[in-house]
Amino acid sequence: TKLANARKIALSLRDLPLPHISDNDIQSEKLEMRYNKVVCRLRERIELDLPVVLTNANKVKELHEMRKDCKKLRYLLELVPHQNNDSIDNREIHKTITELEDIQDMLGSIHDIDITIAYLKRVRHPNEVTHILHDEISERNKKYEDFIQFYKRSLSDSRHNFLNQIAILT
């Protein structure tokens, strides 16, 4: 019955009129302001989570949230065509997108292992999976260390700090 009710509601939504979007709703100034606001909010969230994830490998939730924020920010930067013909600026945008993608990939791998570890810890016969759990934890620690080294090598230079680059782009 719950499924039937949900289906009935979903079908009734088909009959609702689509919202009308006028030219005033999509003024470039409004869109640009909204875009900048969202980019700044995502940058601030990444900026808050970054010191936490760099100093504590056990902050699983923060690692995952940062990955999701990097993904959203990357998609936003990819979405908007940059009108500016300044090739230096376009190179910086491309570099930032690439860095976000790299971070997202590394944190995604760590998150996948975190999910596996959590599952293995819930298994009813822990003795049978102890060696697998140990291997997964070792792999997770290696990937986390790779992320730390990537940050130190590629992103921490104060002149080219990737968070500063994002701020410049807005």
C-alpha atoms as a PDB file:
ATOM      1  CA  THR A   1       0.000   0.000   0.000  1.00  0.00           C
ATOM      2  CA  LYS A   2       2.883   2.394   0.712  1.00  0.00           C
ATOM      3  CA  LEU A   3       4.279   1.697  -2.735  1.00  0.00           C
ATOM      4  CA  ALA A   4       0.857   2.249  -4.298  1.00  0.00           C
ATOM      5  CA  ASN A   5       0.501   5.567  -2.434  1.00  0.00           C
ATOM      6  CA  ALA A   6       3.970   6.662  -3.504  1.00  0.00           C
ATOM      7  CA  ARG A   7       3.193   5.740  -7.109  1.00  0.00           C
ATOM      8  CA  LYS A   8      -0.085   7.670  -6.941  1.00  0.00           C
ATOM      9  CA  ILE A   9       1.710  10.766  -5.621  1.00  0.00           C
ATOM     10  CA  ALA A  10       4.454  10.461  -8.238  1.00  0.00           C
ATOM     11  CA  LEU A  11       1.904  10.188 -11.036  1.00  0.00           C
ATOM     12  CA  SER A  12      -0.030  13.191  -9.720  1.00  0.00           C
ATOM     13  CA  LEU A  13       3.164  15.257  -9.867  1.00  0.00           C
ATOM     14  CA  ARG A  14       3.211  14.749 -13.631  1.00  0.00           C
ATOM     15  CA  ASP A  15       0.093  16.904 -13.884  1.00  0.00           C
ATOM     16  CA  LEU A  16       1.654  19.915 -12.170  1.00  0.00           C
ATOM     17  CA  PRO A  17       2.609  22.717 -14.538  1.00  0.00           C
ATOM     18  CA  LEU A  18       6.295  23.271 -15.144  1.00  0.00           C
ATOM     19  CA  PRO A  19       7.617  26.476 -13.619  1.00  0.00           C
ATOM     20  CA  HIS A  20       7.966  29.348 -16.066  1.00  0.00           C
ATOM     21  CA  ILE A  21      11.434  30.815 -16.271  1.00  0.00           C
ATOM     22  CA  SER A  22      11.645  34.367 -17.507  1.00  0.00           C
ATOM     23  CA  ASP A  23      14.663  36.250 -18.799  1.00  0.00           C
ATOM     24  CA  ASN A  24      14.809  38.077 -15.453  1.00  0.00           C
ATOM     25  CA  ASP A  25      15.301  34.758 -13.687  1.00  0.00           C
ATOM     26  CA  ILE A  26      18.481  34.044 -15.599  1.00  0.00           C
ATOM     27  CA  GLN A  27      20.218  37.399 -15.697  1.00  0.00           C
ATOM     28  CA  SER A  28      23.939  36.877 -15.986  1.00  0.00           C
ATOM     29  CA  GLU A  29      24.616  39.089 -12.954  1.00  0.00           C
ATOM     30  CA  LYS A  30      22.312  36.969 -10.793  1.00  0.00           C
ATOM     31  CA  LEU A  31      23.824  33.759 -12.081  1.00  0.00           C
ATOM     32  CA  GLU A  32      27.343  35.040 -11.527  1.00  0.00           C
ATOM     33  CA  MET A  33      26.515  36.140  -7.984  1.00  0.00           C
ATOM     34  CA  ARG A  34      24.960  32.762  -7.212  1.00  0.00           C
ATOM     35  CA  TYR A  35      27.871  30.902  -8.815  1.00  0.00           C
ATOM     36  CA  ASN A  36      30.411  32.898  -6.790  1.00  0.00           C
ATOM     37  CA  LYS A  37      28.425  32.337  -3.595  1.00  0.00           C
ATOM     38  CA  VAL A  38      28.308  28.566  -4.108  1.00  0.00           C
ATOM     39  CA  VAL A  39      32.005  28.389  -5.057  1.00  0.00           C
ATOM     40  CA  CYS A  40      32.944  30.418  -1.966  1.00  0.00           C
ATOM     41  CA  ARG A  41      30.800  28.234   0.282  1.00  0.00           C
ATOM     42  CA  LEU A  42      32.385  25.052  -1.071  1.00  0.00           C
ATOM     43  CA  ARG A  43      35.879  26.543  -0.756  1.00  0.00           C
ATOM     44  CA  GLU A  44      35.155  27.497   2.862  1.00  0.00           C
ATOM     45  CA  ARG A  45      33.927  23.990   3.647  1.00  0.00           C
ATOM     46  CA  ILE A  46      37.039  22.463   2.079  1.00  0.00           C
ATOM     47  CA  GLU A  47      39.173  24.977   3.972  1.00  0.00           C
ATOM     48  CA  LEU A  48      37.535  23.911   7.258  1.00  0.00           C
ATOM     49  CA  ASP A  49      37.901  20.179   6.592  1.00  0.00           C
ATOM     50  CA  LEU A  50      41.423  20.253   5.134  1.00  0.00           C
ATOM     51  CA  PRO A  51      43.371  20.801   8.398  1.00  0.00           C
ATOM     52  CA  VAL A  52      41.236  18.151  10.101  1.00  0.00           C
ATOM     53  CA  VAL A  53      41.842  15.497   7.452  1.00  0.00           C
ATOM     54  CA  LEU A  54      45.537  16.355   7.167  1.00  0.00           C
ATOM     55  CA  THR A  55      46.131  15.893  10.891  1.00  0.00           C
ATOM     56  CA  ASN A  56      43.844  12.969  11.713  1.00  0.00           C
ATOM     57  CA  ALA A  57      43.569   9.934   9.466  1.00  0.00           C
ATOM     58  CA  ASN A  58      40.616   8.649  11.497  1.00  0.00           C
ATOM     59  CA  LYS A  59      38.267  11.483  10.494  1.00  0.00           C
ATOM     60  CA  VAL A  60      36.373   9.282   8.035  1.00  0.00           C
ATOM     61  CA  LYS A  61      33.293  11.513   7.817  1.00  0.00           C
ATOM     62  CA  GLU A  62      35.324  14.680   7.191  1.00  0.00           C
ATOM     63  CA  LEU A  63      37.391  12.922   4.504  1.00  0.00           C
ATOM     64  CA  HIS A  64      34.212  11.869   2.740  1.00  0.00           C
ATOM     65  CA  GLU A  65      32.588  15.315   3.067  1.00  0.00           C
ATOM     66  CA  MET A  66      35.707  16.959   1.670  1.00  0.00           C
ATOM     67  CA  ARG A  67      35.677  14.546  -1.272  1.00  0.00           C
ATOM     68  CA  LYS A  68      32.057  15.415  -2.009  1.00  0.00           C
ATOM     69  CA  ASP A  69      32.766  19.155  -1.755  1.00  0.00           C
ATOM     70  CA  CYS A  70      35.765  18.822  -4.101  1.00  0.00           C
ATOM     71  CA  LYS A  71      33.553  16.961  -6.554  1.00  0.00           C
ATOM     72  CA  LYS A  72      30.846  19.650  -6.451  1.00  0.00           C
ATOM     73  CA  LEU A  73      33.401  22.421  -6.813  1.00  0.00           C
ATOM     74  CA  ARG A  74      35.125  20.684  -9.703  1.00  0.00           C
ATOM     75  CA  TYR A  75      31.817  20.206 -11.511  1.00  0.00           C
ATOM     76  CA  LEU A  76      30.986  23.879 -11.026  1.00  0.00           C
ATOM     77  CA  LEU A  77      34.341  24.979 -12.419  1.00  0.00           C
ATOM     78  CA  GLU A  78      33.939  22.622 -15.390  1.00  0.00           C
ATOM     79  CA  LEU A  79      30.380  23.746 -16.008  1.00  0.00           C
ATOM     80  CA  VAL A  80      31.011  27.429 -16.509  1.00  0.00           C
ATOM     81  CA  PRO A  81      32.685  28.483 -19.736  1.00  0.00           C
ATOM     82  CA  HIS A  82      35.322  31.011 -18.872  1.00  0.00           C
ATOM     83  CA  GLN A  83      34.819  34.018 -21.123  1.00  0.00           C
ATOM     84  CA  ASN A  84      38.207  35.401 -20.333  1.00  0.00           C
ATOM     85  CA  ASN A  85      40.690  34.774 -23.144  1.00  0.00           C
ATOM     86  CA  ASP A  86      43.662  35.134 -20.829  1.00  0.00           C
ATOM     87  CA  SER A  87      45.502  31.849 -21.373  1.00  0.00           C
ATOM     88  CA  ILE A  88      47.247  32.120 -17.984  1.00  0.00           C
ATOM     89  CA  ASP A  89      43.868  32.336 -16.256  1.00  0.00           C
ATOM     90  CA  ASN A  90      42.536  29.384 -18.261  1.00  0.00           C
ATOM     91  CA  ARG A  91      45.642  27.355 -17.366  1.00  0.00           C
ATOM     92  CA  GLU A  92      45.070  28.144 -13.675  1.00  0.00           C
ATOM     93  CA  ILE A  93      41.442  27.055 -13.945  1.00  0.00           C
ATOM     94  CA  HIS A  94      42.463  23.824 -15.661  1.00  0.00           C
ATOM     95  CA  LYS A  95      45.177  23.232 -13.034  1.00  0.00           C
ATOM     96  CA  THR A  96      42.680  23.759 -10.210  1.00  0.00           C
ATOM     97  CA  ILE A  97      40.176  21.387 -11.836  1.00  0.00           C
ATOM     98  CA  THR A  98      42.912  18.757 -12.231  1.00  0.00           C
ATOM     99  CA  GLU A  99      43.964  19.161  -8.587  1.00  0.00           C
ATOM    100  CA  LEU A 100      40.354  18.826  -7.435  1.00  0.00           C
ATOM    101  CA  GLU A 101      39.973  15.694  -9.543  1.00  0.00           C
ATOM    102  CA  ASP A 102      43.173  14.221  -8.081  1.00  0.00           C
ATOM    103  CA  ILE A 103      42.012  14.956  -4.526  1.00  0.00           C
ATOM    104  CA  GLN A 104      38.590  13.517  -5.296  1.00  0.00           C
ATOM    105  CA  ASP A 105      40.127  10.317  -6.696  1.00  0.00           C
ATOM    106  CA  MET A 106      42.464   9.850  -3.722  1.00  0.00           C
ATOM    107  CA  LEU A 107      39.780  10.528  -1.133  1.00  0.00           C
ATOM    108  CA  GLY A 108      37.356   8.313  -3.060  1.00  0.00           C
ATOM    109  CA  SER A 109      39.795   5.396  -2.862  1.00  0.00           C
ATOM    110  CA  ILE A 110      40.224   5.985   0.865  1.00  0.00           C
ATOM    111  CA  HIS A 111      36.447   6.133   1.331  1.00  0.00           C
ATOM    112  CA  ASP A 112      35.942   2.874  -0.568  1.00  0.00           C
ATOM    113  CA  ILE A 113      38.391   1.182   1.788  1.00  0.00           C
ATOM    114  CA  ASP A 114      36.700   2.791   4.818  1.00  0.00           C
ATOM    115  CA  ILE A 115      33.407   1.221   3.712  1.00  0.00           C
ATOM    116  CA  THR A 116      35.106  -2.155   3.265  1.00  0.00           C
ATOM    117  CA  ILE A 117      36.754  -1.924   6.700  1.00  0.00           C
ATOM    118  CA  ALA A 118      33.443  -1.029   8.357  1.00  0.00           C
ATOM    119  CA  TYR A 119      31.788  -4.005   6.654  1.00  0.00           C
ATOM    120  CA  LEU A 120      34.567  -6.416   7.632  1.00  0.00           C
ATOM    121  CA  LYS A 121      34.356  -5.278  11.255  1.00  0.00           C
ATOM    122  CA  ARG A 122      30.657  -6.251  11.285  1.00  0.00           C
ATOM    123  CA  VAL A 123      31.231  -9.771   9.924  1.00  0.00           C
ATOM    124  CA  ARG A 124      29.957 -12.505  12.253  1.00  0.00           C
ATOM    125  CA  HIS A 125      33.089 -14.621  12.018  1.00  0.00           C
ATOM    126  CA  PRO A 126      35.883 -12.094  12.554  1.00  0.00           C
ATOM    127  CA  ASN A 127      38.643 -14.717  12.710  1.00  0.00           C
ATOM    128  CA  GLU A 128      38.012 -15.616   9.082  1.00  0.00           C
ATOM    129  CA  VAL A 129      38.494 -12.053   7.843  1.00  0.00           C
ATOM    130  CA  THR A 130      41.203 -10.806  10.197  1.00  0.00           C
ATOM    131  CA  HIS A 131      43.943 -11.023   7.555  1.00  0.00           C
ATOM    132  CA  ILE A 132      41.727  -9.289   4.974  1.00  0.00           C
ATOM    133  CA  LEU A 133      40.879  -6.550   7.461  1.00  0.00           C
ATOM    134  CA  HIS A 134      44.566  -6.096   8.267  1.00  0.00           C
ATOM    135  CA  ASP A 135      45.406  -5.810   4.542  1.00  0.00           C
ATOM    136  CA  GLU A 136      42.625  -3.266   3.991  1.00  0.00           C
ATOM    137  CA  ILE A 137      43.780  -1.157   6.940  1.00  0.00           C
ATOM    138  CA  SER A 138      47.359  -1.240   5.608  1.00  0.00           C
ATOM    139  CA  GLU A 139      46.173  -0.210   2.141  1.00  0.00           C
ATOM    140  CA  ARG A 140      44.071   2.580   3.612  1.00  0.00           C
ATOM    141  CA  ASN A 141      47.041   3.879   5.609  1.00  0.00           C
ATOM    142  CA  LYS A 142      49.182   3.842   2.453  1.00  0.00           C
ATOM    143  CA  LYS A 143      46.560   5.729   0.443  1.00  0.00           C
ATOM    144  CA  TYR A 144      46.119   8.254   3.246  1.00  0.00           C
ATOM    145  CA  GLU A 145      49.890   8.815   3.352  1.00  0.00           C
ATOM    146  CA  ASP A 146      49.880   9.226  -0.454  1.00  0.00           C
ATOM    147  CA  PHE A 147      47.208  11.915  -0.043  1.00  0.00           C
ATOM    148  CA  ILE A 148      49.305  13.718   2.604  1.00  0.00           C
ATOM    149  CA  GLN A 149      52.384  13.586   0.369  1.00  0.00           C
ATOM    150  CA  PHE A 150      50.362  14.845  -2.609  1.00  0.00           C
ATOM    151  CA  TYR A 151      49.160  17.775  -0.526  1.00  0.00           C
ATOM    152  CA  LYS A 152      52.666  18.615   0.665  1.00  0.00           C
ATOM    153  CA  ARG A 153      54.137  18.247  -2.814  1.00  0.00           C
ATOM    154  CA  SER A 154      51.459  19.879  -4.942  1.00  0.00           C
ATOM    155  CA  LEU A 155      49.077  21.984  -2.922  1.00  0.00           C
ATOM    156  CA  SER A 156      50.711  23.489   0.140  1.00  0.00           C
ATOM    157  CA  ASP A 157      52.979  26.076  -1.535  1.00  0.00           C
ATOM    158  CA  SER A 158      51.580  29.307  -0.101  1.00  0.00           C
ATOM    159  CA  ARG A 159      51.971  31.236  -3.356  1.00  0.00           C
ATOM    160  CA  HIS A 160      50.054  28.655  -5.340  1.00  0.00           C
ATOM    161  CA  ASN A 161      47.877  27.249  -2.576  1.00  0.00           C
ATOM    162  CA  PHE A 162      44.961  25.629  -4.281  1.00  0.00           C
ATOM    163  CA  LEU A 163      42.431  27.276  -1.944  1.00  0.00           C
ATOM    164  CA  ASN A 164      43.873  30.676  -2.843  1.00  0.00           C
ATOM    165  CA  GLN A 165      43.588  29.775  -6.525  1.00  0.00           C
ATOM    166  CA  ILE A 166      39.912  28.971  -6.057  1.00  0.00           C
ATOM    167  CA  ALA A 167      39.357  32.322  -4.327  1.00  0.00           C
ATOM    168  CA  ILE A 168      41.029  34.106  -7.243  1.00  0.00           C
ATOM    169  CA  LEU A 169      38.761  32.348  -9.753  1.00  0.00           C
ATOM    170  CA  THR A 170      35.586  33.848  -8.267  1.00  0.00           C
END
